[in-house]
Protein backbone atom coordinates (compact mmCIF):
# COMPACT_ATOMS: atom_id res chain seq x y z
CA UNK A 1 6.31 -12.77 19.37
CA UNK A 2 7.18 -11.93 15.76
CA UNK A 3 4.10 -10.93 13.80
CA UNK A 4 3.32 -11.37 10.16
CA UNK A 5 3.32 -7.59 9.88
CA UNK A 6 7.00 -7.60 10.79
CA UNK A 7 7.78 -10.37 8.34
CA UNK A 8 5.66 -9.64 5.31
CA UNK A 9 4.04 -6.60 3.80
CA UNK A 10 0.66 -7.35 5.37
CA UNK A 11 -2.25 -4.94 5.15
CA UNK A 12 -3.79 -5.07 8.62
CA UNK A 13 -1.45 -3.31 11.09
CA UNK A 14 -0.28 -5.13 14.23
CA UNK A 15 -1.73 -2.57 16.64
CA UNK A 16 -5.24 -3.52 15.48
CA UNK A 17 -4.60 -7.25 15.87
CA UNK A 18 -3.03 -6.61 19.27
CA UNK A 19 -6.13 -4.72 20.43
CA UNK A 20 -8.41 -7.51 19.22
CA UNK A 21 -6.27 -10.10 21.00
CA UNK A 22 -6.78 -8.18 24.23
CA UNK A 23 -10.35 -6.91 23.92
CA UNK A 24 -12.23 -9.28 21.64
CA UNK A 25 -14.46 -12.25 22.31
CA UNK A 26 -12.69 -15.60 22.74
CA UNK A 27 -13.19 -16.40 19.06
CA UNK A 28 -11.99 -12.96 17.96
CA UNK A 29 -8.94 -13.16 20.20
CA UNK A 30 -8.05 -16.60 18.91
CA UNK A 31 -8.33 -15.43 15.28
CA UNK A 32 -6.19 -12.36 15.91
CA UNK A 33 -3.44 -14.44 17.48
CA UNK A 34 -3.65 -17.01 14.68
CA UNK A 35 -3.39 -14.27 12.08
CA UNK A 36 -0.35 -12.77 13.79
CA UNK A 37 1.62 -16.01 13.46
CA UNK A 38 0.03 -17.55 10.35
CA UNK A 39 2.73 -16.45 7.91
CA UNK A 40 5.79 -17.15 10.07
CA UNK A 41 6.98 -19.77 7.60
CA UNK A 42 7.40 -17.10 4.91
CA UNK A 43 9.93 -15.13 6.94
CA UNK A 44 13.17 -16.28 5.31
CA UNK A 45 11.67 -16.26 1.81
CA UNK A 46 10.27 -12.74 2.14
CA UNK A 47 13.50 -11.35 3.59
CA UNK A 48 15.64 -12.80 0.79
CA UNK A 49 13.29 -11.70 -1.99
CA UNK A 50 13.16 -8.15 -0.66
CA UNK A 51 16.93 -7.85 -0.53
CA UNK A 52 17.50 -9.75 -3.80
CA UNK A 53 14.32 -9.42 -5.89
CA UNK A 54 16.03 -10.96 -8.93
CA UNK A 55 15.84 -14.34 -7.18
CA UNK A 56 12.05 -14.40 -7.39
CA UNK A 57 10.65 -16.98 -9.78
CA UNK A 58 9.05 -14.62 -12.26
CA UNK A 59 6.55 -15.41 -14.97
CA UNK A 60 6.80 -12.57 -17.50
CA UNK A 61 4.15 -11.55 -19.99
CA UNK A 62 3.92 -9.31 -23.03
CA UNK A 63 1.04 -7.37 -21.47
CA UNK A 64 -1.43 -7.51 -18.64
CA UNK A 65 -1.63 -11.08 -17.38
CA UNK A 66 -3.62 -11.94 -14.26
CA UNK A 67 -4.14 -15.31 -12.61
CA UNK A 68 -6.26 -15.84 -9.54
CA UNK A 69 -5.92 -19.05 -7.55
CA UNK A 70 -8.11 -20.58 -4.85
CA UNK A 71 -6.37 -21.96 -1.75
CA UNK A 72 -9.56 -23.71 -0.66
CA UNK A 73 -9.05 -22.43 2.92
CA UNK A 74 -5.66 -24.09 3.07
CA UNK A 75 -2.12 -22.67 3.21
CA UNK A 76 -0.53 -24.12 0.09
CA UNK A 77 0.30 -21.52 -2.55
CA UNK A 78 -0.70 -20.74 -5.14
CA UNK A 79 -3.63 -23.21 -5.06
CA UNK A 80 -6.08 -24.14 -7.81
CA UNK A 81 -6.35 -21.80 -10.81
CA UNK A 82 -9.77 -20.14 -10.65
CA UNK A 83 -9.53 -17.41 -13.29
CA UNK A 84 -6.98 -16.43 -15.93
CA UNK A 85 -6.50 -13.35 -18.09
CA UNK A 86 -9.47 -12.78 -20.36
CA UNK A 87 -11.67 -15.40 -18.68
CA UNK A 88 -15.23 -14.43 -17.71
CA UNK A 89 -16.27 -13.62 -14.17
CA UNK A 90 -16.61 -16.68 -11.96
CA UNK A 91 -19.34 -15.46 -9.61
CA UNK A 92 -17.00 -15.90 -6.64
CA UNK A 93 -16.66 -12.33 -5.28
CA UNK A 94 -13.16 -12.87 -3.90
CA UNK A 95 -11.84 -14.30 -7.18
CA UNK A 96 -13.43 -11.60 -9.31
CA UNK A 97 -12.42 -8.74 -6.99
CA UNK A 98 -8.81 -9.93 -6.95
CA UNK A 99 -8.87 -10.14 -10.74
CA UNK A 100 -10.43 -6.70 -11.23
CA UNK A 101 -8.30 -5.03 -8.57
CA UNK A 102 -5.09 -6.39 -10.06
CA UNK A 103 -6.17 -5.03 -13.42
CA UNK A 104 -6.92 -1.55 -12.11
CA UNK A 105 -3.54 -1.49 -10.40
CA UNK A 106 -1.73 -2.62 -13.54
CA UNK A 107 -3.59 0.01 -15.57
CA UNK A 108 -2.62 2.82 -13.19
CA UNK A 109 1.06 1.98 -13.40
CA UNK A 110 1.10 1.26 -17.14
CA UNK A 111 -1.27 3.88 -18.54
CA UNK A 112 -0.26 6.76 -16.28
CA UNK A 113 3.36 6.09 -15.34
CA UNK A 114 4.53 3.84 -18.17
CA UNK A 115 5.46 0.96 -15.87
CA UNK A 116 4.95 -2.56 -17.22
CA UNK A 117 3.62 -4.42 -14.18
CA UNK A 118 5.09 -4.62 -10.70
CA UNK A 119 8.70 -5.23 -11.69
CA UNK A 120 8.64 -3.00 -14.77
CA UNK A 121 9.24 -6.00 -17.03
CA UNK A 122 5.82 -7.60 -17.36
CA UNK A 123 5.61 -9.66 -14.19
CA UNK A 124 2.50 -11.84 -14.22
CA UNK A 125 0.09 -10.80 -11.48
CA UNK A 126 -0.73 -13.87 -9.41
CA UNK A 127 -3.21 -13.79 -6.55
CA UNK A 128 -4.52 -16.42 -4.15
CA UNK A 129 -7.88 -16.04 -2.41
CA UNK A 130 -9.60 -18.07 0.33
CA UNK A 131 -6.30 -18.40 2.19
CA UNK A 132 -6.84 -20.38 5.40
CA UNK A 133 -10.08 -20.10 7.36
CA UNK A 134 -10.71 -16.98 9.38
CA UNK A 135 -7.50 -15.32 8.16
CA UNK A 136 -7.85 -11.59 8.80
CA UNK A 137 -5.27 -10.14 6.46
CA UNK A 138 -3.80 -9.77 2.97
CA UNK A 139 -0.15 -9.75 2.00
CA UNK A 140 2.42 -9.59 -0.77
CA UNK A 141 4.93 -12.42 -0.17
CA UNK A 142 7.56 -11.25 -2.63
CA UNK A 143 6.09 -13.12 -5.60
CA UNK A 144 2.30 -12.95 -5.39
CA UNK A 145 -0.73 -11.58 -3.54
CA UNK A 146 -2.57 -13.57 -0.86
CA UNK A 147 -5.99 -12.72 0.61
CA UNK A 148 -7.95 -14.00 3.58
CA UNK A 149 -11.74 -14.03 3.82
CA UNK A 150 -11.91 -12.19 7.13
CA UNK A 151 -14.78 -13.21 9.38
CA UNK A 152 -17.36 -14.14 6.76
CA UNK A 153 -17.80 -17.60 8.31
CA UNK A 154 -18.73 -16.18 11.76
CA UNK A 155 -22.17 -15.16 12.98
CA UNK A 156 -22.98 -11.57 12.05
CA UNK A 157 -22.62 -10.29 15.62
CA UNK A 158 -19.05 -11.66 15.79
CA UNK A 159 -17.74 -10.25 12.52
CA UNK A 160 -15.12 -7.52 12.48
CA UNK A 161 -13.74 -7.82 8.94
CA UNK A 162 -15.18 -8.54 5.52
CA UNK A 163 -13.12 -10.33 2.88
CA UNK A 164 -9.82 -8.58 2.13
CA UNK A 165 -10.48 -8.31 -1.61
CA UNK A 166 -13.46 -6.05 -1.00
CA UNK A 167 -11.53 -2.76 -1.31
CA UNK A 168 -9.59 -1.88 -4.46
CA UNK A 169 -7.08 0.18 -2.50
CA UNK A 170 -6.14 -2.85 -0.38
CA UNK A 171 -5.20 -4.72 -3.55
CA UNK A 172 -3.25 -1.80 -5.01
CA UNK A 173 -1.63 -1.11 -1.62
CA UNK A 174 -0.21 -4.60 -1.40
CA UNK A 175 0.86 -4.77 -5.05
CA UNK A 176 2.69 -1.48 -4.56
CA UNK A 177 4.83 -3.19 -1.92
CA UNK A 178 5.98 -5.24 -4.87
CA UNK A 179 6.81 -2.08 -6.83
CA UNK A 180 8.83 -0.81 -3.86
CA UNK A 181 10.58 -4.19 -3.71
CA UNK A 182 11.78 -3.68 -7.29
CA UNK A 183 12.59 0.04 -6.98
CA UNK A 184 13.50 2.00 -3.83
CA UNK A 185 13.64 -1.09 -1.57
CA UNK A 186 12.83 1.14 1.41
CA UNK A 187 14.01 -0.51 4.63
CA UNK A 188 11.02 -1.72 6.62
CA UNK A 189 11.60 0.10 9.89
CA UNK A 190 11.33 3.62 11.34
CA UNK A 191 10.92 6.46 8.82
CA UNK A 192 12.02 4.50 5.75
CA UNK A 193 9.48 1.83 6.69
CA UNK A 194 6.78 4.46 7.18
CA UNK A 195 7.61 5.80 3.71
CA UNK A 196 7.30 2.22 2.42
CA UNK A 197 3.81 1.94 3.89
CA UNK A 198 2.87 5.44 2.78
CA UNK A 199 3.86 4.73 -0.83
CA UNK A 200 1.48 1.77 -0.81
CA UNK A 201 -1.31 3.92 0.62
CA UNK A 202 -0.65 6.66 -1.94
CA UNK A 203 -0.83 4.42 -5.00
CA UNK A 204 -3.56 2.32 -3.43
CA UNK A 205 -5.81 5.33 -3.07
CA UNK A 206 -4.83 6.63 -6.52
CA UNK A 207 -5.84 3.34 -8.14
CA UNK A 208 -9.18 3.57 -6.36
CA UNK A 209 -9.72 7.21 -7.34
CA UNK A 210 -8.82 6.54 -10.96
CA UNK A 211 -11.16 3.55 -11.06
CA UNK A 212 -13.98 5.74 -9.71
CA UNK A 213 -12.92 8.75 -11.82
CA UNK A 214 -12.81 10.94 -8.71
CA UNK A 215 -10.92 14.21 -8.35
CA UNK A 216 -8.82 14.92 -5.27
CA UNK A 217 -11.67 17.06 -3.93
CA UNK A 218 -14.31 14.35 -4.50
CA UNK A 219 -12.40 11.39 -3.02
CA UNK A 220 -12.81 10.13 0.54
CA UNK A 221 -9.06 9.45 1.04
CA UNK A 222 -9.91 6.43 3.20
CA UNK A 223 -7.72 3.33 3.04
CA UNK A 224 -9.71 0.11 3.39
CA UNK A 225 -13.23 1.52 3.14
CA UNK A 226 -15.67 -1.40 3.22
CA UNK A 227 -13.32 -3.75 5.08
CA UNK A 228 -14.98 -3.28 8.46
CA UNK A 229 -18.23 -5.02 9.22
CA UNK A 230 -21.20 -2.80 10.18
CA UNK A 231 -20.60 -3.52 13.87
CA UNK A 232 -17.21 -1.76 13.85
CA UNK A 233 -17.12 1.95 14.64
CA UNK A 234 -14.97 3.21 11.83
CA UNK A 235 -14.79 4.08 8.14
CA UNK A 236 -11.56 2.29 7.27
CA UNK A 237 -8.05 1.40 8.40
CA UNK A 238 -6.50 4.83 7.75
CA UNK A 239 -7.52 8.33 6.68
CA UNK A 240 -5.09 10.32 4.57
CA UNK A 241 -7.28 13.41 4.93
CA UNK A 242 -7.35 13.22 8.73
CA UNK A 243 -4.90 10.67 10.18
CA UNK A 244 -6.02 9.42 13.59
CA UNK A 245 -9.75 9.56 12.84
CA UNK A 246 -10.40 6.41 10.77
CA UNK A 247 -11.83 4.35 13.64
CA UNK A 248 -12.56 4.44 17.35
CA UNK A 249 -13.95 1.08 18.40
CA UNK A 250 -14.26 -0.82 21.72
CA UNK A 251 -12.54 -3.89 20.23
CA UNK A 252 -10.15 -2.41 17.64
CA UNK A 253 -9.12 0.58 19.76
CA UNK A 254 -8.55 4.08 18.38
CA UNK A 255 -6.68 4.99 15.22
CA UNK A 256 -3.19 5.97 16.48
CA UNK A 257 -1.86 7.68 13.35
CA UNK A 258 -0.30 11.14 13.73
CA UNK A 259 -0.70 13.86 11.11
CA UNK A 260 2.29 15.96 12.23
CA UNK A 261 5.89 15.38 13.26
CA UNK A 262 5.23 16.75 16.75
CA UNK A 263 3.11 13.63 17.36
CA UNK A 264 5.57 11.14 15.83
CA UNK A 265 5.24 7.80 17.64
CA UNK A 266 8.42 6.13 18.91
CA UNK A 267 7.26 2.57 19.57
CA UNK A 268 9.07 -0.73 20.08
CA UNK A 269 6.70 -2.75 17.87
CA UNK A 270 5.54 -2.63 14.24
CA UNK A 271 9.19 -2.10 13.21
CA UNK A 272 9.21 1.27 14.93
CA UNK A 273 5.66 2.18 13.96
CA UNK A 274 5.73 1.85 10.17
CA UNK A 275 1.93 1.54 9.97
CA UNK A 276 1.45 4.36 12.46
CA UNK A 277 3.86 7.10 11.39
CA UNK A 278 2.96 6.62 7.73
CA UNK A 279 0.12 9.00 8.55
CA UNK A 280 2.60 11.88 8.32
CA UNK A 281 3.76 11.39 4.69
CA UNK A 282 0.23 10.26 3.82
CA UNK A 283 -1.16 13.61 4.92
CA UNK A 284 1.63 15.45 3.11
CA UNK A 285 0.55 13.77 -0.12
CA UNK A 286 -3.13 14.53 0.54
CA UNK A 287 -2.42 18.22 1.10
CA UNK A 288 -0.22 18.32 -2.01
CA UNK A 289 -2.92 16.72 -4.15
CA UNK A 290 -5.65 19.04 -2.85
CA UNK A 291 -3.46 22.08 -3.43
CA UNK A 292 -2.83 21.04 -7.03
CA UNK A 293 -6.45 20.04 -7.66
CA UNK A 294 -7.88 17.87 -10.42
CA UNK A 295 -7.06 14.16 -10.59
CA UNK A 296 -4.46 13.28 -7.97
CA UNK A 297 -2.87 10.54 -10.05
CA UNK A 298 -1.94 12.92 -12.88
CA UNK A 299 0.42 15.37 -11.13
CA UNK A 300 0.88 14.61 -7.44
CA UNK A 301 1.01 10.90 -8.21
CA UNK A 302 3.50 11.48 -11.01
CA UNK A 303 5.85 13.32 -8.66
CA UNK A 304 5.61 10.56 -6.04
CA UNK A 305 6.10 7.84 -8.68
CA UNK A 306 9.37 9.35 -9.92
CA UNK A 307 10.53 9.60 -6.31
CA UNK A 308 9.69 5.95 -5.60
CA UNK A 309 10.99 4.52 -8.86
CA UNK A 310 14.26 6.44 -9.27
CA UNK A 311 15.16 8.72 -6.37
CA UNK A 312 14.38 7.28 -2.95
CA UNK A 313 16.83 4.74 -1.54
CA UNK A 314 16.72 2.09 1.17
CA UNK A 315 17.45 4.46 4.07
CA UNK A 316 15.49 7.52 2.92
CA UNK A 317 13.66 9.41 5.66
CA UNK A 318 10.85 11.97 5.64
CA UNK A 319 13.19 14.94 5.14
CA UNK A 320 14.81 13.34 2.11
CA UNK A 321 11.42 12.41 0.66
CA UNK A 322 10.32 16.03 1.06
CA UNK A 323 13.46 17.37 -0.61
CA UNK A 324 13.29 14.91 -3.49
CA UNK A 325 9.58 15.34 -4.26
CA UNK A 326 10.03 19.13 -4.18
CA UNK A 327 12.98 18.81 -6.56
CA UNK A 328 11.09 16.48 -8.89
CA UNK A 329 8.08 18.81 -9.00
CA UNK A 330 10.38 21.61 -10.14
CA UNK A 331 11.97 19.41 -12.81
CA UNK A 332 8.67 18.26 -14.26
CA UNK A 333 6.46 21.34 -13.82
CA UNK A 334 8.94 24.17 -13.38
CA UNK A 335 10.55 26.07 -10.53
CA UNK A 336 8.01 27.91 -8.35
CA UNK A 337 5.17 26.25 -10.26
CA UNK A 338 1.84 25.57 -8.59
CA UNK A 339 2.86 21.93 -8.32
CA UNK A 340 6.19 22.64 -6.64
CA UNK A 341 4.61 25.09 -4.22
CA UNK A 342 1.96 22.47 -3.42
CA UNK A 343 4.63 19.91 -2.53
CA UNK A 344 6.27 22.42 -0.19
CA UNK A 345 2.92 23.21 1.44
CA UNK A 346 2.19 19.51 1.84
CA UNK A 347 5.38 18.70 3.71
CA UNK A 348 5.40 21.89 5.78
CA UNK A 349 1.81 21.18 6.85
CA UNK A 350 3.02 17.98 8.55
CA UNK A 351 6.05 19.63 10.12
CA UNK A 352 8.76 18.51 7.66
CA UNK A 353 10.85 21.44 6.44
CA UNK A 354 12.59 21.32 3.09
CA UNK A 355 15.69 22.68 4.82
CA UNK A 356 15.93 19.62 7.07
CA UNK A 357 18.87 17.37 6.25
CA UNK A 358 17.82 14.00 4.85
CA UNK A 359 19.26 10.95 6.55
CA UNK A 360 19.16 8.69 3.51
CA UNK A 361 21.74 7.88 0.90
CA UNK A 362 22.17 10.24 -1.99
CA UNK A 363 20.20 9.56 -5.18
CA UNK A 364 21.11 10.13 -8.80
CA UNK A 365 19.62 13.28 -10.31
CA UNK A 366 17.97 12.41 -13.61
CA UNK A 367 17.81 14.88 -16.50
CA UNK A 368 14.42 16.55 -16.97
CA UNK A 369 14.11 15.10 -20.48
CA UNK A 370 14.63 11.59 -19.15
CA UNK A 371 12.00 12.11 -16.45
CA UNK A 372 9.49 13.34 -19.03
CA UNK A 373 10.26 10.44 -21.35
CA UNK A 374 9.90 7.86 -18.60
CA UNK A 375 6.45 9.18 -17.73
CA UNK A 376 4.94 9.34 -21.20
CA UNK A 377 1.67 7.31 -21.18
CA UNK A 378 1.89 3.80 -22.55
CA UNK A 379 5.66 3.53 -22.32
CA UNK A 380 6.90 0.21 -21.03
CA UNK A 381 9.52 0.38 -18.33
């Protein structure tokens, strides 16, 4: 069976839904199976838009422009307009969280990295909430964000998931799949796919940390904190600080993420384990950010943004990502700088040596001056 996680950039990984389908109550099993196949009809559209993003029907704006729609528990997109840019809060938590989360994500990319929205050209940020009934996921479909309400309609003792707008990093994670669509276009399988997922986790957690004004030392580094209901034994979907420890639950199973290459998972599902092996580059970024100190979005995030936006290519693997981020750190902050040494420590901590040969295609080396110019705050690009 082809899952939505293999078709779209969905947030909830297939191994969790698979566990629920095997271990849950009848209602939980039915919902997990329904979620796995709910977005099958988007398969061709998502594939084409990923490979040829210019075909997307794009509404461009001069600045930040958010629109949140309400699907009314149906499947038609985008649905009824519930809130537009500059409109007051509606009182519907899902609508207002989608609106605020889109704004925080836009602000991270624009204010810190000089990127004007997802595509770099002012793409309007459209979101749809209340998608279907009992839909346990969120996804970027190539043109907009879509969020389910989780299990909020079930009795308390049956609930596994809260609404999928509840965590800012979920919103930023999925919108970053859109950034990847317009930049590196990392192939969604094996190591390039794990880098794709990791990039979304990195900028998802950075948007959250910036919104909370947390330093790298203060942050929890949890992806999806607040998504689980109180009955689930876990703190979130993934931990960048300690991959493999985010949850251990009788219904959801145990977090399978590795933190080191020696534990790399070769699996025949999830496009070769893109949601599993992303724990390795995730932890490399965490170590890098902690080594540098301060606000992770300012230096570590800047290095990773240049890599995603101008250096990584469709077939890049972990070794190439390590080499490129190390190179970029030297270009921006200087050879043998604290920042460059931190990048090296980060990748070596997870078992990726800078001397390893990258398997991806070569990338254009940009002049240092151009890198600095592209990252000046407030620049549109």
